[in-house]
Amino acid sequence: MISQRLKLKSQVLKVPHHGYEDVRNKDAKGKFSSNHKKFFDKVQPAISIISNGYRNKDRVPSGLITRELAKSNIYTTGDNGNIIVTSNGSRLSVSTSRNKNEPAKASTYVSSKKSSLLLKKMSVKSNGKKKLSIVSVNAKNKYKIKEKKPLKISIKATPQSFTRIKNVQYKLVKKGKSSAKYRWKTGKKVKVKKGFKGRLYIKYNTTSGSTIVKTKGFVIKKKKK
């Protein structure tokens, strides 16, 4: 299909072969190969659906496949049960029989485009003196932004045309702590007190899945006694 230069770009992809790695080009013998990465990059799916069985004895999708699809929302039958994608002709929505329609893996921020496959724009604004910018959740945590006053942060986003935003969630994570230990709170306004040192995680929930990002690390100094 790629060699025929077909227009493969699509919002939804049924991932080949249950998410197995299959044959890479470097290992291929003969005329055919299964270079998933090249195929995924052509499709650029916002929603990736993987049928991997209820018990998922074979532990698929492979780590390589999930990394290659990291920009999209990955739904798996093992995590989500029945997965139904519906359209009203202009917007897509996903419903599942398990885990409250949450994808098994949420999409990530594309730093080069300052967006995600679900969101055209994402931004945070604060009353601080320095800009509080968004980065990928996999970015290293550095705490170079220093403020003297408590922060008031507002969260905004513009969805892609085929989806809509349901709600926004956030959590403030202290330096040295894992984000997994903190619960999500719902809201677009965040207040941060003096003495905080950490970063803000944001989850934009749309009808087609979620995008998770974080801010650069920041410090709000305490008053000297």
N, C-alpha and C. Protein backbone atom coordinates (compact mmCIF):
# COMPACT_ATOMS: atom_id res chain seq x y z
N MET A 1 0.83 -1.22 0.00
CA MET A 1 0.00 0.00 0.00
C MET A 1 0.86 1.26 0.00
N ILE A 2 1.96 1.21 0.75
CA ILE A 2 2.86 2.38 0.80
C ILE A 2 3.54 2.58 -0.55
N SER A 3 3.99 1.50 -1.15
CA SER A 3 4.68 1.60 -2.44
C SER A 3 3.75 2.11 -3.54
N GLN A 4 2.43 1.87 -3.37
CA GLN A 4 1.46 2.36 -4.34
C GLN A 4 1.04 3.81 -4.06
N ARG A 5 1.64 4.38 -3.02
CA ARG A 5 1.40 5.78 -2.65
C ARG A 5 -0.07 6.08 -2.39
N LEU A 6 -0.72 5.13 -1.74
CA LEU A 6 -2.11 5.34 -1.36
C LEU A 6 -2.19 6.31 -0.19
N LYS A 7 -3.27 7.05 -0.09
CA LYS A 7 -3.47 7.98 1.03
C LYS A 7 -3.98 7.17 2.23
N LEU A 8 -3.07 6.89 3.14
CA LEU A 8 -3.39 6.00 4.25
C LEU A 8 -3.78 6.73 5.54
N LYS A 9 -3.63 8.04 5.58
CA LYS A 9 -3.90 8.77 6.81
C LYS A 9 -5.34 8.56 7.26
N SER A 10 -5.52 8.23 8.54
CA SER A 10 -6.85 7.95 9.08
C SER A 10 -6.87 8.19 10.58
N GLN A 11 -8.04 8.55 11.10
CA GLN A 11 -8.13 8.78 12.55
C GLN A 11 -8.14 7.47 13.35
N VAL A 12 -8.64 6.39 12.74
CA VAL A 12 -8.79 5.11 13.45
C VAL A 12 -8.00 4.02 12.74
N LEU A 13 -7.25 3.24 13.52
CA LEU A 13 -6.49 2.12 12.97
C LEU A 13 -6.77 0.86 13.77
N LYS A 14 -7.16 -0.23 13.08
CA LYS A 14 -7.18 -1.56 13.68
C LYS A 14 -5.77 -2.10 13.52
N VAL A 15 -5.04 -2.18 14.62
CA VAL A 15 -3.61 -2.53 14.58
C VAL A 15 -3.42 -3.97 14.10
N PRO A 16 -2.50 -4.19 13.16
CA PRO A 16 -2.28 -5.53 12.62
C PRO A 16 -1.82 -6.55 13.65
N HIS A 17 -2.25 -7.79 13.46
CA HIS A 17 -1.71 -8.97 14.16
C HIS A 17 -1.64 -8.82 15.68
N HIS A 18 -2.70 -8.30 16.26
CA HIS A 18 -2.85 -8.25 17.72
C HIS A 18 -1.76 -7.47 18.45
N GLY A 19 -0.96 -6.68 17.72
CA GLY A 19 0.10 -5.92 18.36
C GLY A 19 1.41 -6.68 18.50
N TYR A 20 1.57 -7.78 17.75
CA TYR A 20 2.86 -8.47 17.72
C TYR A 20 3.87 -7.62 16.95
N GLU A 21 5.15 -7.82 17.27
CA GLU A 21 6.20 -7.07 16.58
C GLU A 21 6.36 -7.52 15.13
N ASP A 22 6.20 -8.82 14.87
CA ASP A 22 6.36 -9.38 13.52
C ASP A 22 7.76 -9.14 12.96
N VAL A 23 7.87 -9.06 11.64
CA VAL A 23 9.17 -8.97 10.98
C VAL A 23 9.57 -7.52 10.76
N ARG A 24 10.78 -7.17 11.15
CA ARG A 24 11.33 -5.85 10.87
C ARG A 24 12.04 -5.91 9.52
N ASN A 25 12.20 -4.77 8.86
CA ASN A 25 12.87 -4.75 7.56
C ASN A 25 14.27 -5.35 7.61
N LYS A 26 14.99 -5.07 8.69
CA LYS A 26 16.37 -5.56 8.79
C LYS A 26 16.43 -7.09 8.89
N ASP A 27 15.31 -7.71 9.34
CA ASP A 27 15.28 -9.17 9.47
C ASP A 27 14.54 -9.86 8.33
N ALA A 28 13.97 -9.08 7.43
CA ALA A 28 13.11 -9.64 6.38
C ALA A 28 13.91 -10.45 5.36
N LYS A 29 13.29 -11.51 4.87
CA LYS A 29 13.89 -12.32 3.82
C LYS A 29 12.94 -12.33 2.63
N GLY A 30 13.48 -12.14 1.44
CA GLY A 30 12.63 -12.15 0.27
C GLY A 30 12.00 -10.79 0.01
N LYS A 31 10.86 -10.80 -0.66
CA LYS A 31 10.23 -9.58 -1.16
C LYS A 31 9.45 -8.81 -0.10
N PHE A 32 8.90 -9.51 0.90
CA PHE A 32 7.95 -8.88 1.81
C PHE A 32 8.52 -8.66 3.21
N SER A 33 8.00 -7.65 3.87
CA SER A 33 8.38 -7.35 5.26
C SER A 33 7.15 -6.82 5.99
N SER A 34 7.30 -6.59 7.29
CA SER A 34 6.19 -6.05 8.07
C SER A 34 6.67 -4.87 8.90
N ASN A 35 7.11 -3.83 8.24
CA ASN A 35 7.61 -2.67 8.95
C ASN A 35 6.44 -1.84 9.46
N HIS A 36 6.02 -2.15 10.69
CA HIS A 36 4.87 -1.46 11.27
C HIS A 36 5.11 0.03 11.41
N LYS A 37 6.31 0.41 11.83
CA LYS A 37 6.61 1.82 12.09
C LYS A 37 6.33 2.67 10.84
N LYS A 38 6.79 2.20 9.71
CA LYS A 38 6.59 2.93 8.47
C LYS A 38 5.11 3.06 8.16
N PHE A 39 4.35 1.99 8.41
CA PHE A 39 2.91 1.99 8.17
C PHE A 39 2.20 2.92 9.14
N PHE A 40 2.54 2.85 10.43
CA PHE A 40 1.91 3.71 11.44
C PHE A 40 2.15 5.19 11.12
N ASP A 41 3.37 5.50 10.70
CA ASP A 41 3.70 6.89 10.39
C ASP A 41 2.89 7.43 9.21
N LYS A 42 2.52 6.54 8.30
CA LYS A 42 1.69 6.97 7.17
C LYS A 42 0.23 7.16 7.59
N VAL A 43 -0.25 6.29 8.46
CA VAL A 43 -1.66 6.37 8.89
C VAL A 43 -1.87 7.51 9.89
N GLN A 44 -0.93 7.69 10.83
CA GLN A 44 -1.03 8.70 11.88
C GLN A 44 -2.37 8.61 12.63
N PRO A 45 -2.69 7.45 13.20
CA PRO A 45 -4.00 7.30 13.85
C PRO A 45 -4.10 8.04 15.18
N ALA A 46 -5.25 8.63 15.42
CA ALA A 46 -5.52 9.20 16.73
C ALA A 46 -6.02 8.12 17.68
N ILE A 47 -6.67 7.10 17.12
CA ILE A 47 -7.23 5.99 17.88
C ILE A 47 -6.67 4.69 17.31
N SER A 48 -5.99 3.91 18.14
CA SER A 48 -5.45 2.61 17.71
C SER A 48 -6.12 1.52 18.52
N ILE A 49 -6.70 0.54 17.83
CA ILE A 49 -7.44 -0.52 18.49
C ILE A 49 -6.72 -1.85 18.30
N ILE A 50 -6.46 -2.54 19.43
CA ILE A 50 -5.73 -3.81 19.39
C ILE A 50 -6.59 -4.91 20.00
N SER A 51 -6.80 -5.96 19.24
CA SER A 51 -7.49 -7.15 19.75
C SER A 51 -6.45 -8.09 20.32
N ASN A 52 -6.42 -8.21 21.66
CA ASN A 52 -5.37 -9.04 22.27
C ASN A 52 -5.91 -10.06 23.26
N GLY A 53 -7.19 -10.33 23.22
CA GLY A 53 -7.74 -11.40 24.05
C GLY A 53 -8.06 -10.95 25.46
N TYR A 54 -9.04 -11.61 26.06
CA TYR A 54 -9.49 -11.23 27.40
C TYR A 54 -8.40 -11.45 28.44
N ARG A 55 -7.74 -12.60 28.40
CA ARG A 55 -6.69 -12.91 29.38
C ARG A 55 -5.31 -12.47 28.88
N ASN A 56 -5.17 -12.25 27.59
CA ASN A 56 -3.92 -11.77 26.98
C ASN A 56 -2.72 -12.61 27.42
N LYS A 57 -2.79 -13.91 27.19
CA LYS A 57 -1.72 -14.82 27.61
C LYS A 57 -0.39 -14.53 26.91
N ASP A 58 -0.45 -13.99 25.69
CA ASP A 58 0.78 -13.74 24.94
C ASP A 58 1.39 -12.36 25.21
N ARG A 59 0.77 -11.60 26.10
CA ARG A 59 1.32 -10.31 26.54
C ARG A 59 1.56 -9.35 25.37
N VAL A 60 0.56 -9.20 24.54
CA VAL A 60 0.64 -8.23 23.45
C VAL A 60 -0.28 -7.05 23.79
N PRO A 61 -0.03 -5.85 23.26
CA PRO A 61 0.97 -5.52 22.25
C PRO A 61 2.39 -5.51 22.83
N SER A 62 3.36 -5.67 21.96
CA SER A 62 4.75 -5.63 22.38
C SER A 62 5.12 -4.19 22.75
N GLY A 63 6.16 -4.05 23.55
CA GLY A 63 6.61 -2.72 23.96
C GLY A 63 7.00 -1.86 22.77
N LEU A 64 7.57 -2.50 21.75
CA LEU A 64 7.97 -1.77 20.56
C LEU A 64 6.75 -1.16 19.85
N ILE A 65 5.68 -1.93 19.74
CA ILE A 65 4.47 -1.44 19.07
C ILE A 65 3.84 -0.28 19.84
N THR A 66 3.78 -0.38 21.15
CA THR A 66 3.18 0.72 21.93
C THR A 66 4.03 1.98 21.83
N ARG A 67 5.36 1.81 21.75
CA ARG A 67 6.22 2.99 21.58
C ARG A 67 6.00 3.62 20.22
N GLU A 68 5.84 2.79 19.21
CA GLU A 68 5.63 3.31 17.86
C GLU A 68 4.27 4.00 17.72
N LEU A 69 3.31 3.63 18.58
CA LEU A 69 1.97 4.22 18.54
C LEU A 69 1.75 5.22 19.69
N ALA A 70 2.84 5.66 20.29
CA ALA A 70 2.74 6.50 21.50
C ALA A 70 1.98 7.80 21.28
N LYS A 71 1.93 8.30 20.05
CA LYS A 71 1.23 9.55 19.78
C LYS A 71 -0.29 9.37 19.77
N SER A 72 -0.74 8.13 19.68
CA SER A 72 -2.18 7.88 19.58
C SER A 72 -2.74 7.29 20.87
N ASN A 73 -4.07 7.23 20.97
CA ASN A 73 -4.73 6.55 22.08
C ASN A 73 -4.87 5.08 21.73
N ILE A 74 -4.32 4.22 22.59
CA ILE A 74 -4.34 2.78 22.34
C ILE A 74 -5.44 2.14 23.19
N TYR A 75 -6.39 1.53 22.52
CA TYR A 75 -7.44 0.76 23.19
C TYR A 75 -7.19 -0.71 22.92
N THR A 76 -7.26 -1.55 23.96
CA THR A 76 -7.06 -2.99 23.78
C THR A 76 -8.26 -3.74 24.36
N THR A 77 -8.61 -4.85 23.73
CA THR A 77 -9.73 -5.64 24.24
C THR A 77 -9.40 -6.25 25.60
N GLY A 78 -8.09 -6.50 25.84
CA GLY A 78 -7.69 -7.04 27.14
C GLY A 78 -7.98 -6.07 28.27
N ASP A 79 -7.78 -4.78 28.04
CA ASP A 79 -8.03 -3.75 29.06
C ASP A 79 -9.45 -3.20 28.99
N ASN A 80 -9.95 -3.01 27.78
CA ASN A 80 -11.20 -2.26 27.60
C ASN A 80 -12.41 -3.12 27.28
N GLY A 81 -12.22 -4.42 27.04
CA GLY A 81 -13.36 -5.26 26.67
C GLY A 81 -13.85 -4.88 25.28
N ASN A 82 -15.17 -4.82 25.11
CA ASN A 82 -15.73 -4.41 23.82
C ASN A 82 -15.39 -2.95 23.55
N ILE A 83 -14.96 -2.66 22.34
CA ILE A 83 -14.58 -1.30 21.95
C ILE A 83 -15.44 -0.89 20.76
N ILE A 84 -16.19 0.21 20.92
CA ILE A 84 -17.07 0.67 19.85
C ILE A 84 -16.70 2.10 19.49
N VAL A 85 -16.39 2.32 18.21
CA VAL A 85 -16.12 3.66 17.70
C VAL A 85 -17.33 4.09 16.88
N THR A 86 -17.91 5.23 17.22
CA THR A 86 -19.08 5.72 16.50
C THR A 86 -18.80 7.11 15.93
N SER A 87 -19.55 7.46 14.89
CA SER A 87 -19.42 8.78 14.28
C SER A 87 -20.79 9.31 13.91
N ASN A 88 -20.96 10.63 14.10
CA ASN A 88 -22.20 11.29 13.66
C ASN A 88 -22.00 11.95 12.29
N GLY A 89 -20.89 11.61 11.65
CA GLY A 89 -20.58 12.18 10.34
C GLY A 89 -19.48 13.22 10.39
N SER A 90 -19.22 13.75 11.59
CA SER A 90 -18.16 14.74 11.72
C SER A 90 -17.27 14.51 12.94
N ARG A 91 -17.83 13.86 13.98
CA ARG A 91 -17.05 13.62 15.19
C ARG A 91 -17.02 12.14 15.53
N LEU A 92 -15.92 11.73 16.15
CA LEU A 92 -15.74 10.35 16.57
C LEU A 92 -15.83 10.24 18.09
N SER A 93 -16.40 9.17 18.55
CA SER A 93 -16.40 8.90 19.99
C SER A 93 -16.15 7.42 20.22
N VAL A 94 -15.53 7.11 21.35
CA VAL A 94 -15.19 5.74 21.69
C VAL A 94 -15.92 5.35 22.97
N SER A 95 -16.53 4.17 22.97
CA SER A 95 -17.13 3.64 24.19
C SER A 95 -16.62 2.22 24.40
N THR A 96 -16.39 1.85 25.65
CA THR A 96 -15.87 0.52 25.97
C THR A 96 -16.71 -0.10 27.08
N SER A 97 -16.61 -1.41 27.20
CA SER A 97 -17.39 -2.10 28.24
C SER A 97 -16.66 -2.15 29.58
N ARG A 98 -15.37 -1.76 29.58
CA ARG A 98 -14.61 -1.75 30.84
C ARG A 98 -13.74 -0.51 30.92
N ASN A 99 -13.39 -0.15 32.14
CA ASN A 99 -12.45 0.95 32.44
C ASN A 99 -12.93 2.33 31.96
N LYS A 100 -14.24 2.53 32.02
CA LYS A 100 -14.84 3.87 31.85
C LYS A 100 -14.38 4.58 30.58
N ASN A 101 -14.26 3.86 29.49
CA ASN A 101 -13.88 4.43 28.19
C ASN A 101 -12.47 5.02 28.16
N GLU A 102 -11.68 4.75 29.19
CA GLU A 102 -10.31 5.25 29.22
C GLU A 102 -9.42 4.36 28.37
N PRO A 103 -8.56 4.95 27.52
CA PRO A 103 -7.66 4.13 26.72
C PRO A 103 -6.66 3.39 27.59
N ALA A 104 -6.18 2.24 27.10
CA ALA A 104 -5.15 1.50 27.83
C ALA A 104 -3.88 2.34 27.96
N LYS A 105 -3.59 3.12 26.91
CA LYS A 105 -2.47 4.07 26.94
C LYS A 105 -2.92 5.35 26.26
N ALA A 106 -2.82 6.48 26.98
CA ALA A 106 -3.25 7.76 26.44
C ALA A 106 -2.19 8.36 25.53
N SER A 107 -2.63 9.18 24.58
CA SER A 107 -1.70 9.77 23.62
C SER A 107 -0.78 10.79 24.30
N THR A 108 0.33 11.07 23.66
CA THR A 108 1.31 11.99 24.22
C THR A 108 1.46 13.24 23.36
N TYR A 109 2.09 14.20 23.92
CA TYR A 109 2.31 15.51 23.30
C TYR A 109 3.39 15.41 22.22
N VAL A 110 3.11 15.97 21.05
CA VAL A 110 4.10 16.02 19.97
C VAL A 110 4.79 17.38 20.05
N SER A 111 5.98 17.40 20.63
CA SER A 111 6.65 18.67 20.93
C SER A 111 6.98 19.47 19.68
N SER A 112 7.29 18.77 18.58
CA SER A 112 7.65 19.48 17.35
C SER A 112 6.46 20.27 16.78
N LYS A 113 5.24 19.78 17.04
CA LYS A 113 4.04 20.45 16.53
C LYS A 113 3.28 21.20 17.62
N LYS A 114 3.73 21.05 18.86
CA LYS A 114 3.08 21.67 20.02
C LYS A 114 1.60 21.33 20.06
N SER A 115 1.29 20.06 19.83
CA SER A 115 -0.08 19.60 19.80
C SER A 115 -0.10 18.09 19.99
N SER A 116 -1.28 17.50 19.90
CA SER A 116 -1.40 16.05 19.88
C SER A 116 -2.34 15.68 18.74
N LEU A 117 -2.51 14.38 18.50
CA LEU A 117 -3.39 13.95 17.42
C LEU A 117 -4.86 14.22 17.74
N LEU A 118 -5.16 14.53 19.01
CA LEU A 118 -6.53 14.85 19.40
C LEU A 118 -6.75 16.34 19.63
N LEU A 119 -5.67 17.08 19.86
CA LEU A 119 -5.79 18.49 20.22
C LEU A 119 -4.93 19.38 19.32
N LYS A 120 -5.54 20.43 18.79
CA LYS A 120 -4.80 21.38 17.95
C LYS A 120 -3.87 22.24 18.78
N LYS A 121 -4.37 22.66 19.94
CA LYS A 121 -3.59 23.54 20.81
C LYS A 121 -3.77 23.13 22.26
N MET A 122 -2.70 23.28 23.02
CA MET A 122 -2.73 23.08 24.47
C MET A 122 -1.91 24.18 25.11
N SER A 123 -2.40 24.72 26.19
CA SER A 123 -1.63 25.79 26.84
C SER A 123 -1.97 25.88 28.32
N VAL A 124 -1.02 26.43 29.07
CA VAL A 124 -1.26 26.80 30.46
C VAL A 124 -0.79 28.24 30.64
N LYS A 125 -1.55 28.99 31.39
CA LYS A 125 -1.18 30.37 31.68
C LYS A 125 -1.22 30.57 33.19
N SER A 126 -0.27 31.37 33.66
CA SER A 126 -0.22 31.63 35.10
C SER A 126 0.07 33.10 35.36
N ASN A 127 -0.08 33.49 36.62
CA ASN A 127 0.23 34.86 37.03
C ASN A 127 1.70 35.03 37.40
N GLY A 128 2.50 34.00 37.13
CA GLY A 128 3.93 34.05 37.45
C GLY A 128 4.71 34.92 36.48
N LYS A 129 5.93 35.23 36.84
CA LYS A 129 6.78 36.07 36.01
C LYS A 129 7.39 35.31 34.84
N LYS A 130 7.52 33.99 35.00
CA LYS A 130 8.12 33.18 33.94
C LYS A 130 7.06 32.28 33.29
N LYS A 131 7.24 32.04 31.99
CA LYS A 131 6.28 31.23 31.23
C LYS A 131 6.32 29.78 31.70
N LEU A 132 5.14 29.23 31.92
CA LEU A 132 5.01 27.84 32.36
C LEU A 132 4.58 27.02 31.15
N SER A 133 5.53 26.38 30.47
CA SER A 133 5.21 25.71 29.21
C SER A 133 4.96 24.21 29.39
N ILE A 134 4.28 23.63 28.39
CA ILE A 134 3.92 22.22 28.39
C ILE A 134 5.02 21.40 27.71
N VAL A 135 5.27 20.20 28.25
CA VAL A 135 6.23 19.27 27.66
C VAL A 135 5.63 17.87 27.68
N SER A 136 6.29 16.93 27.03
CA SER A 136 5.85 15.54 27.03
C SER A 136 6.01 14.94 28.43
N VAL A 137 5.17 13.98 28.77
CA VAL A 137 5.28 13.33 30.08
C VAL A 137 6.60 12.58 30.23
N ASN A 138 7.26 12.28 29.11
CA ASN A 138 8.53 11.55 29.16
C ASN A 138 9.75 12.48 29.26
N ALA A 139 9.51 13.79 29.20
CA ALA A 139 10.62 14.74 29.29
C ALA A 139 11.25 14.71 30.69
N LYS A 140 12.53 15.02 30.76
CA LYS A 140 13.23 15.05 32.04
C LYS A 140 12.68 16.17 32.93
N ASN A 141 12.66 15.93 34.22
CA ASN A 141 12.15 16.92 35.16
C ASN A 141 13.26 17.86 35.61
N LYS A 142 13.16 19.11 35.19
CA LYS A 142 14.10 20.14 35.61
C LYS A 142 13.31 21.25 36.30
N TYR A 143 13.88 21.84 37.31
CA TYR A 143 13.14 22.81 38.13
C TYR A 143 13.82 24.18 38.09
N LYS A 144 13.87 24.74 36.89
CA LYS A 144 14.55 26.02 36.69
C LYS A 144 13.62 27.22 36.83
N ILE A 145 12.31 26.99 36.81
CA ILE A 145 11.34 28.09 36.93
C ILE A 145 11.13 28.37 38.41
N LYS A 146 11.48 29.57 38.85
CA LYS A 146 11.36 29.93 40.26
C LYS A 146 10.46 31.15 40.41
N GLU A 147 9.49 31.04 41.30
CA GLU A 147 8.52 32.11 41.56
C GLU A 147 8.52 32.45 43.05
N LYS A 148 8.10 33.67 43.37
CA LYS A 148 8.06 34.12 44.76
C LYS A 148 6.64 34.14 45.32
N LYS A 149 5.66 34.24 44.43
CA LYS A 149 4.27 34.32 44.87
C LYS A 149 3.51 33.03 44.50
N PRO A 150 2.42 32.73 45.23
CA PRO A 150 1.58 31.58 44.87
C PRO A 150 1.10 31.70 43.43
N LEU A 151 0.99 30.57 42.75
CA LEU A 151 0.59 30.58 41.34
C LEU A 151 -0.90 30.29 41.17
N LYS A 152 -1.49 31.00 40.22
CA LYS A 152 -2.84 30.70 39.76
C LYS A 152 -2.70 30.29 38.29
N ILE A 153 -3.01 29.03 38.00
CA ILE A 153 -2.79 28.48 36.66
C ILE A 153 -4.13 28.17 36.00
N SER A 154 -4.28 28.55 34.74
CA SER A 154 -5.47 28.21 33.96
C SER A 154 -5.06 27.30 32.80
N ILE A 155 -5.87 26.30 32.53
CA ILE A 155 -5.58 25.28 31.53
C ILE A 155 -6.54 25.43 30.35
N LYS A 156 -5.99 25.44 29.14
CA LYS A 156 -6.83 25.59 27.95
C LYS A 156 -6.42 24.58 26.87
N ALA A 157 -7.35 24.33 25.93
CA ALA A 157 -7.05 23.47 24.79
C ALA A 157 -8.09 23.65 23.70
N THR A 158 -7.69 23.38 22.47
CA THR A 158 -8.60 23.39 21.32
C THR A 158 -8.57 22.00 20.69
N PRO A 159 -9.71 21.31 20.59
CA PRO A 159 -9.70 19.95 20.05
C PRO A 159 -9.59 19.92 18.53
N GLN A 160 -9.17 18.78 18.00
CA GLN A 160 -9.22 18.56 16.56
C GLN A 160 -10.69 18.51 16.12
N SER A 161 -10.94 18.70 14.83
CA SER A 161 -12.32 18.85 14.34
C SER A 161 -13.18 17.60 14.53
N PHE A 162 -12.54 16.42 14.65
CA PHE A 162 -13.33 15.19 14.73
C PHE A 162 -13.68 14.77 16.16
N THR A 163 -13.32 15.58 17.14
CA THR A 163 -13.62 15.23 18.52
C THR A 163 -14.01 16.47 19.31
N ARG A 164 -14.34 16.30 20.59
CA ARG A 164 -14.64 17.43 21.48
C ARG A 164 -14.13 17.11 22.87
N ILE A 165 -13.83 18.15 23.63
CA ILE A 165 -13.31 17.97 24.99
C ILE A 165 -14.46 17.73 25.96
N LYS A 166 -14.34 16.66 26.75
CA LYS A 166 -15.34 16.36 27.78
C LYS A 166 -15.00 17.07 29.09
N ASN A 167 -13.76 16.94 29.52
CA ASN A 167 -13.32 17.62 30.74
C ASN A 167 -11.79 17.63 30.80
N VAL A 168 -11.27 18.37 31.76
CA VAL A 168 -9.83 18.48 31.97
C VAL A 168 -9.52 18.06 33.40
N GLN A 169 -8.46 17.28 33.58
CA GLN A 169 -8.04 16.86 34.92
C GLN A 169 -6.58 17.25 35.15
N TYR A 170 -6.20 17.30 36.41
CA TYR A 170 -4.82 17.69 36.72
C TYR A 170 -4.38 17.06 38.04
N LYS A 171 -3.07 17.05 38.25
CA LYS A 171 -2.52 16.69 39.56
C LYS A 171 -1.16 17.35 39.73
N LEU A 172 -0.92 17.86 40.91
CA LEU A 172 0.35 18.48 41.27
C LEU A 172 1.23 17.41 41.89
N VAL A 173 2.40 17.19 41.29
CA VAL A 173 3.29 16.12 41.72
C VAL A 173 4.58 16.73 42.26
N LYS A 174 4.92 16.40 43.50
CA LYS A 174 6.11 16.95 44.12
C LYS A 174 7.38 16.32 43.54
N LYS A 175 8.45 17.09 43.58
CA LYS A 175 9.75 16.62 43.09
C LYS A 175 10.14 15.32 43.79
N GLY A 176 10.61 14.37 42.99
CA GLY A 176 11.05 13.09 43.55
C GLY A 176 9.96 12.07 43.73
N LYS A 177 8.70 12.47 43.50
CA LYS A 177 7.56 11.57 43.67
C LYS A 177 7.05 11.08 42.32
N SER A 178 6.52 9.86 42.30
CA SER A 178 5.94 9.31 41.08
C SER A 178 4.54 9.88 40.86
N SER A 179 4.23 10.23 39.63
CA SER A 179 2.91 10.78 39.33
C SER A 179 1.81 9.75 39.54
N ALA A 180 2.17 8.44 39.45
CA ALA A 180 1.18 7.37 39.60
C ALA A 180 0.57 7.34 41.01
N LYS A 181 1.25 7.94 41.99
CA LYS A 181 0.77 7.92 43.37
C LYS A 181 -0.25 9.02 43.67
N TYR A 182 -0.48 9.90 42.70
CA TYR A 182 -1.40 11.01 42.89
C TYR A 182 -2.68 10.80 42.10
N ARG A 183 -3.80 11.23 42.67
CA ARG A 183 -5.09 11.09 41.99
C ARG A 183 -5.38 12.31 41.13
N TRP A 184 -6.12 12.08 40.04
CA TRP A 184 -6.53 13.18 39.18
C TRP A 184 -7.65 13.98 39.82
N LYS A 185 -7.60 15.29 39.66
CA LYS A 185 -8.67 16.18 40.08
C LYS A 185 -9.25 16.84 38.83
N THR A 186 -10.53 17.13 38.84
CA THR A 186 -11.16 17.74 37.67
C THR A 186 -11.21 19.25 37.82
N GLY A 187 -10.83 19.97 36.75
CA GLY A 187 -10.89 21.42 36.79
C GLY A 187 -9.88 22.06 35.84
N LYS A 188 -10.15 23.30 35.48
CA LYS A 188 -9.27 24.04 34.57
C LYS A 188 -8.48 25.13 35.29
N LYS A 189 -8.72 25.27 36.60
CA LYS A 189 -8.02 26.27 37.40
C LYS A 189 -7.26 25.58 38.52
N VAL A 190 -5.99 25.94 38.68
CA VAL A 190 -5.15 25.31 39.70
C VAL A 190 -4.47 26.38 40.54
N LYS A 191 -4.53 26.24 41.85
CA LYS A 191 -3.83 27.15 42.76
C LYS A 191 -2.68 26.40 43.41
N VAL A 192 -1.48 27.01 43.39
CA VAL A 192 -0.30 26.37 43.95
C VAL A 192 0.27 27.26 45.05
N LYS A 193 0.42 26.70 46.25
CA LYS A 193 0.86 27.47 47.41
C LYS A 193 2.38 27.62 47.46
N LYS A 194 2.82 28.52 48.32
CA LYS A 194 4.26 28.72 48.53
C LYS A 194 4.89 27.46 49.12
N GLY A 195 6.14 27.24 48.75
CA GLY A 195 6.86 26.08 49.25
C GLY A 195 6.75 24.85 48.35
N PHE A 196 5.94 24.95 47.28
CA PHE A 196 5.79 23.80 46.38
C PHE A 196 6.97 23.71 45.43
N LYS A 197 7.44 22.48 45.22
CA LYS A 197 8.49 22.21 44.24
C LYS A 197 8.10 20.95 43.49
N GLY A 198 7.76 21.10 42.22
CA GLY A 198 7.31 19.94 41.45
C GLY A 198 6.84 20.33 40.07
N ARG A 199 5.86 19.59 39.56
CA ARG A 199 5.32 19.89 38.23
C ARG A 199 3.84 19.57 38.20
N LEU A 200 3.17 20.10 37.21
CA LEU A 200 1.73 19.92 37.04
C LEU A 200 1.48 18.97 35.88
N TYR A 201 0.73 17.89 36.15
CA TYR A 201 0.31 16.97 35.10
C TYR A 201 -1.11 17.33 34.69
N ILE A 202 -1.37 17.25 33.39
CA ILE A 202 -2.69 17.61 32.85
C ILE A 202 -3.19 16.49 31.95
N LYS A 203 -4.46 16.12 32.10
CA LYS A 203 -5.09 15.13 31.22
C LYS A 203 -6.30 15.75 30.56
N TYR A 204 -6.21 15.92 29.24
CA TYR A 204 -7.33 16.44 28.46
C TYR A 204 -8.16 15.25 27.97
N ASN A 205 -9.38 15.14 28.45
CA ASN A 205 -10.24 14.02 28.07
C ASN A 205 -11.21 14.43 26.96
N THR A 206 -11.15 13.74 25.84
CA THR A 206 -12.05 14.01 24.72
C THR A 206 -12.95 12.79 24.50
N THR A 207 -13.90 12.93 23.58
CA THR A 207 -14.78 11.80 23.26
C THR A 207 -14.02 10.69 22.54
N SER A 208 -12.82 11.00 22.05
CA SER A 208 -12.02 10.02 21.31
C SER A 208 -10.84 9.49 22.11
N GLY A 209 -10.71 9.90 23.36
CA GLY A 209 -9.59 9.46 24.18
C GLY A 209 -8.97 10.62 24.93
N SER A 210 -7.79 10.40 25.48
CA SER A 210 -7.14 11.39 26.34
C SER A 210 -5.73 11.72 25.85
N THR A 211 -5.28 12.92 26.20
CA THR A 211 -3.89 13.31 25.98
C THR A 211 -3.33 13.75 27.33
N ILE A 212 -2.18 13.19 27.70
CA ILE A 212 -1.55 13.54 28.99
C ILE A 212 -0.26 14.30 28.73
N VAL A 213 -0.11 15.42 29.41
CA VAL A 213 1.10 16.24 29.32
C VAL A 213 1.52 16.67 30.73
N LYS A 214 2.62 17.38 30.82
CA LYS A 214 3.02 17.96 32.09
C LYS A 214 3.68 19.30 31.81
N THR A 215 3.80 20.12 32.84
CA THR A 215 4.53 21.37 32.70
C THR A 215 5.98 21.14 33.08
N LYS A 216 6.81 22.08 32.72
CA LYS A 216 8.18 22.05 33.21
C LYS A 216 8.14 22.22 34.73
N GLY A 217 9.16 21.70 35.41
CA GLY A 217 9.20 21.80 36.85
C GLY A 217 9.32 23.24 37.33
N PHE A 218 8.70 23.53 38.48
CA PHE A 218 8.77 24.89 39.00
C PHE A 218 8.84 24.88 40.53
N VAL A 219 9.33 25.98 41.07
CA VAL A 219 9.51 26.14 42.52
C VAL A 219 8.86 27.44 42.96
N ILE A 220 8.08 27.37 44.03
CA ILE A 220 7.54 28.60 44.63
C ILE A 220 8.20 28.74 46.00
N LYS A 221 9.05 29.73 46.11
CA LYS A 221 9.87 29.91 47.32
C LYS A 221 9.02 30.31 48.53
N LYS A 222 9.47 29.83 49.69
CA LYS A 222 8.85 30.25 50.96
C LYS A 222 9.48 31.55 51.42
N LYS A 223 8.74 32.29 52.23
CA LYS A 223 9.29 33.50 52.81
C LYS A 223 10.34 33.17 53.85
N LYS A 224 11.43 33.91 53.84
CA LYS A 224 12.46 33.68 54.86
C LYS A 224 11.99 34.23 56.18
N LYS A 225 12.22 33.45 57.24
CA LYS A 225 11.80 33.87 58.58
C LYS A 225 12.78 34.86 59.16
